Amino acid sequence: MTSTPPDRLTDPSLAERLAHVRWIAGGTAAGNSTLARLLAERHGIAVLDGDRAEHRRLDRCSAERHPHLAALRDRPPGAPWHGRSARQVFRAMPSLHGEMTGFLVEDLLALPADRPVLVDYFGILPRDLAPLLRHPGQAVFLLPAPAFRKAALAARYADPARARATWGRRGPAERTRRAPRPRRPLGR
């Protein structure tokens, strides 16, 4: 099974079918998962954890419809970052190209619609989410302040096993280090 075709993602009836869904999206390490967990505990809401589901989508993607996601198949941890700049990694992200949206829709439509569902996922952009909403109040995007994000990532990757599972042999600091920018001559 592959994801919902892009032309079906703008069907107005889809927003109606997903009216019970609320979204917490935004930057990595912004507190999305923490907030989703707290809301689920307090209100008994089902949570769709998009981060965990993302890995299962590799088996469901096709190279024709999901070229950026398919490129990650059978790659070891950290491989997408090896030898590439942060900009190159960013431009290769499947979610930047809307490749994850169809999978999210399929996952949500497979769940019972008789109670609220909260989606916790950083990998959907506002432009891809907007057609799925009946009204803007169904979604929130969290953007972490730089100091908050740095502290959250340091805590997350303090466990060496977790860091290796995501980043490979090299740690996140080495993988995300910015390359020096070429200097432009003054006056140009």
Protein backbone atom coordinates (compact mmCIF):
# COMPACT_ATOMS: atom_id res chain seq x y z
CA MET A 1 0.00 0.00 0.00
CA THR A 2 1.27 3.47 -0.86
CA SER A 3 0.14 6.80 0.50
CA THR A 4 -2.96 8.72 -0.55
CA PRO A 5 -2.43 10.37 -3.94
CA PRO A 6 -1.71 14.12 -3.76
CA ASP A 7 -4.86 15.07 -5.71
CA ARG A 8 -7.05 13.35 -3.08
CA LEU A 9 -5.40 15.31 -0.24
CA THR A 10 -7.16 18.51 -1.34
CA ASP A 11 -10.63 16.90 -1.46
CA PRO A 12 -12.86 19.03 0.85
CA SER A 13 -14.63 15.92 2.16
CA LEU A 14 -11.30 14.77 3.62
CA ALA A 15 -11.22 17.73 6.04
CA GLU A 16 -14.73 16.75 7.15
CA ARG A 17 -13.68 13.13 7.72
CA LEU A 18 -10.72 14.37 9.81
CA ALA A 19 -12.74 16.89 11.83
CA HIS A 20 -12.04 14.89 15.03
CA VAL A 21 -8.26 15.23 14.58
CA ARG A 22 -6.08 17.84 16.28
CA TRP A 23 -2.47 18.44 15.31
CA ILE A 24 0.64 19.40 17.28
CA ALA A 25 3.43 20.02 14.82
CA GLY A 26 6.50 22.22 14.62
CA GLY A 27 10.21 22.17 15.13
CA THR A 28 12.17 19.27 16.53
CA ALA A 29 12.67 19.57 20.29
CA ALA A 30 9.92 22.17 20.68
CA GLY A 31 8.00 20.07 23.22
CA ASN A 32 5.49 18.57 20.75
CA SER A 33 5.65 15.05 22.20
CA THR A 34 5.65 16.24 25.79
CA LEU A 35 2.57 18.36 25.20
CA ALA A 36 0.80 15.54 23.32
CA ARG A 37 1.54 13.08 26.12
CA LEU A 38 0.25 15.48 28.80
CA LEU A 39 -2.94 16.22 26.87
CA ALA A 40 -3.54 12.52 26.19
CA GLU A 41 -3.10 11.65 29.88
CA ARG A 42 -5.31 14.48 31.08
CA HIS A 43 -8.13 14.08 28.54
CA GLY A 44 -7.93 10.42 27.49
CA ILE A 45 -7.15 11.34 23.89
CA ALA A 46 -5.67 8.86 21.43
CA VAL A 47 -2.31 9.99 20.05
CA LEU A 48 -0.87 9.20 16.64
CA ASP A 49 2.91 9.41 17.09
CA GLY A 50 4.13 10.42 13.65
CA ASP A 51 7.80 9.99 14.54
CA ARG A 52 7.36 6.30 15.35
CA ALA A 53 5.11 5.69 12.35
CA GLU A 54 7.63 7.33 10.02
CA HIS A 55 9.99 4.34 10.09
CA ARG A 56 7.18 1.93 9.15
CA ARG A 57 6.42 4.02 6.07
CA LEU A 58 9.66 3.01 4.40
CA ASP A 59 8.04 -0.32 3.53
CA ARG A 60 4.98 1.45 2.09
CA CYS A 61 6.72 4.03 -0.07
CA SER A 62 7.44 3.84 -3.77
CA ALA A 63 10.41 5.42 -5.52
CA GLU A 64 8.10 7.03 -8.09
CA ARG A 65 5.76 8.77 -5.62
CA HIS A 66 8.13 9.17 -2.65
CA PRO A 67 11.64 9.61 -4.06
CA HIS A 68 13.06 11.36 -0.97
CA LEU A 69 11.65 8.80 1.45
CA ALA A 70 12.65 5.85 -0.74
CA ALA A 71 16.21 7.22 -0.80
CA LEU A 72 16.38 6.57 2.95
CA ARG A 73 15.51 2.90 2.65
CA ASP A 74 18.23 0.51 3.85
CA ARG A 75 20.50 3.34 5.00
CA PRO A 76 22.29 2.96 8.34
CA PRO A 77 21.80 5.51 11.15
CA GLY A 78 23.45 8.82 10.32
CA ALA A 79 23.90 7.99 6.62
CA PRO A 80 21.61 10.77 5.35
CA TRP A 81 23.94 13.31 7.00
CA HIS A 82 27.28 11.81 5.98
CA GLY A 83 29.20 14.09 3.65
CA ARG A 84 26.33 16.53 3.20
CA SER A 85 25.74 20.06 4.34
CA ALA A 86 22.81 20.91 6.60
CA ARG A 87 21.16 22.62 3.63
CA GLN A 88 21.49 19.47 1.49
CA VAL A 89 20.02 17.34 4.27
CA PHE A 90 17.15 19.80 4.70
CA ARG A 91 16.35 19.83 0.98
CA ALA A 92 16.27 16.02 0.89
CA MET A 93 13.74 15.69 3.73
CA PRO A 94 10.63 13.77 2.60
CA SER A 95 8.33 16.00 4.65
CA LEU A 96 9.62 19.12 2.88
CA HIS A 97 8.20 17.66 -0.33
CA GLY A 98 4.89 16.57 1.20
CA GLU A 99 5.74 12.89 0.92
CA MET A 100 4.53 12.04 4.45
CA THR A 101 1.09 13.66 4.26
CA GLY A 102 -0.64 10.82 2.43
CA PHE A 103 0.66 8.30 4.92
CA LEU A 104 -0.66 10.39 7.82
CA VAL A 105 -4.07 10.59 6.19
CA GLU A 106 -4.19 6.82 5.66
CA ASP A 107 -3.17 6.18 9.27
CA LEU A 108 -5.82 8.59 10.56
CA LEU A 109 -8.60 7.19 8.39
CA ALA A 110 -7.80 3.70 9.72
CA LEU A 111 -8.50 4.86 13.31
CA PRO A 112 -12.00 5.09 14.83
CA ALA A 113 -13.50 8.56 14.32
CA ASP A 114 -15.75 8.44 17.38
CA ARG A 115 -13.33 10.30 19.66
CA PRO A 116 -10.61 12.93 19.27
CA VAL A 117 -7.21 11.94 17.93
CA LEU A 118 -4.12 14.04 18.51
CA VAL A 119 -1.34 13.88 15.93
CA ASP A 120 2.17 14.48 17.29
CA TYR A 121 4.42 14.97 14.30
CA PHE A 122 7.09 17.47 13.34
CA GLY A 123 7.19 16.39 9.70
CA ILE A 124 4.23 18.16 8.18
CA LEU A 125 4.32 21.70 6.90
CA PRO A 126 1.46 24.20 7.24
CA ARG A 127 0.89 24.23 3.47
CA ASP A 128 0.34 20.44 3.50
CA LEU A 129 -1.76 20.44 6.65
CA ALA A 130 -4.10 23.32 5.74
CA PRO A 131 -6.26 21.33 3.27
CA LEU A 132 -6.86 18.69 5.97
CA LEU A 133 -8.36 21.17 8.46
CA ARG A 134 -11.97 22.25 8.75
CA HIS A 135 -10.77 25.27 10.75
CA PRO A 136 -7.33 26.63 11.76
CA GLY A 137 -7.94 25.91 15.46
CA GLN A 138 -7.38 22.21 14.79
CA ALA A 139 -3.61 22.67 14.57
CA VAL A 140 -0.78 24.31 16.45
CA PHE A 141 2.84 24.66 15.36
CA LEU A 142 5.42 24.91 18.13
CA LEU A 143 8.66 26.71 17.37
CA PRO A 144 11.42 26.26 19.93
CA ALA A 145 13.60 29.10 21.09
CA PRO A 146 17.24 28.28 20.26
CA ALA A 147 18.31 27.88 23.91
CA PHE A 148 15.31 25.64 24.69
CA ARG A 149 15.99 23.48 21.61
CA LYS A 150 19.68 23.14 22.45
CA ALA A 151 18.90 22.03 26.01
CA ALA A 152 16.20 19.61 24.84
CA LEU A 153 18.47 17.99 22.26
CA ALA A 154 21.34 17.73 24.75
CA ALA A 155 19.03 15.89 27.16
CA ARG A 156 17.62 13.69 24.38
CA TYR A 157 21.02 12.59 23.13
CA ALA A 158 22.74 12.30 26.51
CA ASP A 159 22.09 8.55 26.16
CA PRO A 160 24.84 7.36 23.79
CA ALA A 161 22.72 4.47 22.47
CA ARG A 162 19.91 6.83 21.48
CA ALA A 163 22.37 9.21 19.86
CA ARG A 164 23.94 6.37 17.80
CA ALA A 165 20.50 5.10 16.73
CA THR A 166 19.74 8.50 15.20
CA TRP A 167 23.10 9.88 14.20
CA GLY A 168 25.31 6.82 13.64
CA ARG A 169 28.87 6.64 14.97
CA ARG A 170 29.28 10.40 14.88
CA GLY A 171 27.29 12.36 17.40
CA PRO A 172 24.75 15.08 16.65
CA ALA A 173 27.25 17.87 17.32
CA GLU A 174 29.58 16.58 14.63
CA ARG A 175 26.75 15.86 12.16
CA THR A 176 25.09 19.25 12.54
CA ARG A 177 28.19 21.42 12.69
CA ARG A 178 27.94 24.22 10.20
CA ALA A 179 30.48 24.36 7.45
CA PRO A 180 32.32 27.67 7.27
CA ARG A 181 30.65 30.07 4.86
CA PRO A 182 32.80 31.55 2.14
CA ARG A 183 33.59 35.17 2.84
CA ARG A 184 32.43 37.77 0.38
CA PRO A 185 34.76 40.63 -0.38
CA LEU A 186 33.73 43.88 1.29
CA GLY A 187 31.88 46.37 -0.85
CA ARG A 188 30.02 43.83 -2.99
